Amino acid sequence: MELAIAMFILILLISIAVPTYQYTVQRARETVLKENLFQMRKAIDQFVADKGRLPSSIDELVEKKYLRERPIDPMTEKDEWQEIFGEDPNSPDRRTGLVDVRSLAEGEDETGKKYSDY
């Protein structure tokens, strides 16, 4: 009988702890995603300020040491990002370059905002 009560209490505690843990891990991943996007966008801006043109890709930001390495998308656990290209206003021949990056992750946060819209 005592063993059954102990097991019941243990199951009750686990049923409370696991969802809380999963929620915390999900919020942490979203925070890391936002920070990675912020740092890549900051690197794009710094590249433009230094070089006077848009970078051609995330890889160029890494090659030129604006980023130490390609960041990992914590939602997909890969270093793949949607690279958004646009016309370079500083280019006399109107070349295109990297203007923004987005996550390739599907899904949305608790507020309903898609990860790809961060």
C-alpha atoms as a PDB file:
ATOM      1  CA  MET A   1       0.000   0.000   0.000  1.00  0.00           C
ATOM      2  CA  GLU A   2       2.795   2.397   0.894  1.00  0.00           C
ATOM      3  CA  LEU A   3       4.519   1.601  -2.384  1.00  0.00           C
ATOM      4  CA  ALA A   4       1.332   2.389  -4.322  1.00  0.00           C
ATOM      5  CA  ILE A   5       1.000   5.755  -2.563  1.00  0.00           C
ATOM      6  CA  ALA A   6       4.655   6.568  -3.248  1.00  0.00           C
ATOM      7  CA  MET A   7       4.223   5.643  -6.921  1.00  0.00           C
ATOM      8  CA  PHE A   8       1.075   7.789  -7.156  1.00  0.00           C
ATOM      9  CA  ILE A   9       2.909  10.796  -5.687  1.00  0.00           C
ATOM     10  CA  LEU A  10       5.840  10.240  -8.042  1.00  0.00           C
ATOM     11  CA  ILE A  11       3.549  10.030 -11.085  1.00  0.00           C
ATOM     12  CA  LEU A  12       1.755  13.182  -9.969  1.00  0.00           C
ATOM     13  CA  LEU A  13       5.010  15.107  -9.615  1.00  0.00           C
ATOM     14  CA  ILE A  14       6.276  13.908 -12.998  1.00  0.00           C
ATOM     15  CA  SER A  15       2.992  14.860 -14.679  1.00  0.00           C
ATOM     16  CA  ILE A  16       3.487  18.413 -13.394  1.00  0.00           C
ATOM     17  CA  ALA A  17       7.225  18.683 -14.033  1.00  0.00           C
ATOM     18  CA  VAL A  18       7.426  17.360 -17.614  1.00  0.00           C
ATOM     19  CA  PRO A  19       5.072  19.906 -19.250  1.00  0.00           C
ATOM     20  CA  THR A  20       6.772  22.730 -17.349  1.00  0.00           C
ATOM     21  CA  TYR A  21      10.162  21.509 -18.535  1.00  0.00           C
ATOM     22  CA  GLN A  22       8.973  21.228 -22.150  1.00  0.00           C
ATOM     23  CA  TYR A  23       7.493  24.743 -22.009  1.00  0.00           C
ATOM     24  CA  THR A  24      10.759  26.137 -20.634  1.00  0.00           C
ATOM     25  CA  VAL A  25      12.832  24.408 -23.323  1.00  0.00           C
ATOM     26  CA  GLN A  26      10.528  25.743 -26.067  1.00  0.00           C
ATOM     27  CA  ARG A  27      10.776  29.327 -24.744  1.00  0.00           C
ATOM     28  CA  ALA A  28      14.572  28.993 -24.568  1.00  0.00           C
ATOM     29  CA  ARG A  29      14.714  27.841 -28.203  1.00  0.00           C
ATOM     30  CA  GLU A  30      12.587  30.804 -29.267  1.00  0.00           C
ATOM     31  CA  THR A  31      14.888  33.170 -27.375  1.00  0.00           C
ATOM     32  CA  VAL A  32      17.979  31.683 -29.047  1.00  0.00           C
ATOM     33  CA  LEU A  33      16.281  31.937 -32.457  1.00  0.00           C
ATOM     34  CA  LYS A  34      15.540  35.629 -31.909  1.00  0.00           C
ATOM     35  CA  GLU A  35      19.111  36.277 -30.744  1.00  0.00           C
ATOM     36  CA  ASN A  36      20.657  34.423 -33.712  1.00  0.00           C
ATOM     37  CA  LEU A  37      18.504  36.413 -36.153  1.00  0.00           C
ATOM     38  CA  PHE A  38      19.408  39.659 -34.364  1.00  0.00           C
ATOM     39  CA  GLN A  39      23.137  38.893 -34.574  1.00  0.00           C
ATOM     40  CA  MET A  40      22.975  37.964 -38.275  1.00  0.00           C
ATOM     41  CA  ARG A  41      21.025  41.124 -39.093  1.00  0.00           C
ATOM     42  CA  LYS A  42      23.506  43.156 -37.082  1.00  0.00           C
ATOM     43  CA  ALA A  43      26.369  41.522 -39.031  1.00  0.00           C
ATOM     44  CA  ILE A  44      24.663  42.432 -42.327  1.00  0.00           C
ATOM     45  CA  ASP A  45      24.372  46.056 -41.195  1.00  0.00           C
ATOM     46  CA  GLN A  46      28.008  46.136 -40.052  1.00  0.00           C
ATOM     47  CA  PHE A  47      29.148  44.597 -43.354  1.00  0.00           C
ATOM     48  CA  VAL A  48      27.261  47.287 -45.296  1.00  0.00           C
ATOM     49  CA  ALA A  49      28.756  50.023 -43.115  1.00  0.00           C
ATOM     50  CA  ASP A  50      32.285  48.680 -43.615  1.00  0.00           C
ATOM     51  CA  LYS A  51      32.199  47.527 -47.246  1.00  0.00           C
ATOM     52  CA  GLY A  52      29.592  49.859 -48.749  1.00  0.00           C
ATOM     53  CA  ARG A  53      27.670  46.981 -50.293  1.00  0.00           C
ATOM     54  CA  LEU A  54      25.390  44.121 -49.290  1.00  0.00           C
ATOM     55  CA  PRO A  55      26.950  40.710 -48.575  1.00  0.00           C
ATOM     56  CA  SER A  56      26.298  37.976 -51.102  1.00  0.00           C
ATOM     57  CA  SER A  57      25.329  35.365 -48.466  1.00  0.00           C
ATOM     58  CA  ILE A  58      25.646  34.295 -44.857  1.00  0.00           C
ATOM     59  CA  ASP A  59      28.763  32.417 -45.912  1.00  0.00           C
ATOM     60  CA  GLU A  60      30.413  35.674 -46.955  1.00  0.00           C
ATOM     61  CA  LEU A  61      29.695  37.091 -43.504  1.00  0.00           C
ATOM     62  CA  VAL A  62      31.484  34.075 -42.041  1.00  0.00           C
ATOM     63  CA  GLU A  63      34.382  34.284 -44.525  1.00  0.00           C
ATOM     64  CA  LYS A  64      34.919  37.982 -43.772  1.00  0.00           C
ATOM     65  CA  LYS A  65      34.726  37.265 -40.004  1.00  0.00           C
ATOM     66  CA  TYR A  66      31.527  39.209 -39.336  1.00  0.00           C
ATOM     67  CA  LEU A  67      30.183  35.959 -37.896  1.00  0.00           C
ATOM     68  CA  ARG A  68      32.323  33.306 -36.250  1.00  0.00           C
ATOM     69  CA  GLU A  69      30.281  30.515 -37.847  1.00  0.00           C
ATOM     70  CA  ARG A  70      26.881  29.901 -39.393  1.00  0.00           C
ATOM     71  CA  PRO A  71      24.431  30.028 -36.512  1.00  0.00           C
ATOM     72  CA  ILE A  72      22.247  27.022 -35.811  1.00  0.00           C
ATOM     73  CA  ASP A  73      18.489  27.480 -36.024  1.00  0.00           C
ATOM     74  CA  PRO A  74      17.407  26.004 -32.677  1.00  0.00           C
ATOM     75  CA  MET A  75      13.980  25.117 -34.025  1.00  0.00           C
ATOM     76  CA  THR A  76      15.272  22.983 -36.925  1.00  0.00           C
ATOM     77  CA  GLU A  77      18.666  22.213 -35.342  1.00  0.00           C
ATOM     78  CA  LYS A  78      20.357  22.963 -38.678  1.00  0.00           C
ATOM     79  CA  ASP A  79      22.470  25.853 -39.934  1.00  0.00           C
ATOM     80  CA  GLU A  80      20.094  26.487 -42.833  1.00  0.00           C
ATOM     81  CA  TRP A  81      18.331  29.844 -43.119  1.00  0.00           C
ATOM     82  CA  GLN A  82      16.101  31.537 -45.639  1.00  0.00           C
ATOM     83  CA  GLU A  83      18.306  34.187 -47.196  1.00  0.00           C
ATOM     84  CA  ILE A  84      16.333  37.146 -48.510  1.00  0.00           C
ATOM     85  CA  PHE A  85      17.966  39.076 -51.308  1.00  0.00           C
ATOM     86  CA  GLY A  86      17.189  42.544 -52.514  1.00  0.00           C
ATOM     87  CA  GLU A  87      18.555  45.293 -54.672  1.00  0.00           C
ATOM     88  CA  ASP A  88      21.669  46.919 -53.266  1.00  0.00           C
ATOM     89  CA  PRO A  89      21.029  50.692 -53.138  1.00  0.00           C
ATOM     90  CA  ASN A  90      24.783  51.347 -52.862  1.00  0.00           C
ATOM     91  CA  SER A  91      25.621  49.434 -56.036  1.00  0.00           C
ATOM     92  CA  PRO A  92      25.919  51.528 -59.209  1.00  0.00           C
ATOM     93  CA  ASP A  93      24.905  48.574 -61.384  1.00  0.00           C
ATOM     94  CA  ARG A  94      21.975  47.616 -59.102  1.00  0.00           C
ATOM     95  CA  ARG A  95      23.326  44.246 -58.003  1.00  0.00           C
ATOM     96  CA  THR A  96      21.467  42.259 -55.401  1.00  0.00           C
ATOM     97  CA  GLY A  97      22.684  41.164 -52.007  1.00  0.00           C
ATOM     98  CA  LEU A  98      21.596  39.682 -48.720  1.00  0.00           C
ATOM     99  CA  VAL A  99      19.160  42.043 -46.990  1.00  0.00           C
ATOM    100  CA  ASP A 100      17.592  39.770 -44.371  1.00  0.00           C
ATOM    101  CA  VAL A 101      17.501  36.252 -42.951  1.00  0.00           C
ATOM    102  CA  ARG A 102      14.564  34.208 -41.699  1.00  0.00           C
ATOM    103  CA  SER A 103      14.057  30.875 -40.019  1.00  0.00           C
ATOM    104  CA  LEU A 104      12.980  27.883 -42.100  1.00  0.00           C
ATOM    105  CA  ALA A 105      11.177  26.415 -39.083  1.00  0.00           C
ATOM    106  CA  GLU A 106       7.515  25.615 -39.329  1.00  0.00           C
ATOM    107  CA  GLY A 107       5.206  26.364 -36.456  1.00  0.00           C
ATOM    108  CA  GLU A 108       4.466  29.334 -34.284  1.00  0.00           C
ATOM    109  CA  ASP A 109       5.026  30.596 -30.779  1.00  0.00           C
ATOM    110  CA  GLU A 110       2.381  30.824 -28.072  1.00  0.00           C
ATOM    111  CA  THR A 111       1.221  34.220 -29.363  1.00  0.00           C
ATOM    112  CA  GLY A 112       0.545  32.785 -32.827  1.00  0.00           C
ATOM    113  CA  LYS A 113       3.538  34.440 -34.531  1.00  0.00           C
ATOM    114  CA  LYS A 114       5.220  32.155 -37.067  1.00  0.00           C
ATOM    115  CA  TYR A 115       8.895  31.403 -36.518  1.00  0.00           C
ATOM    116  CA  SER A 116       9.522  32.366 -40.141  1.00  0.00           C
ATOM    117  CA  ASP A 117       8.213  35.865 -39.325  1.00  0.00           C
ATOM    118  CA  TYR A 118      10.675  36.586 -36.516  1.00  0.00           C
END
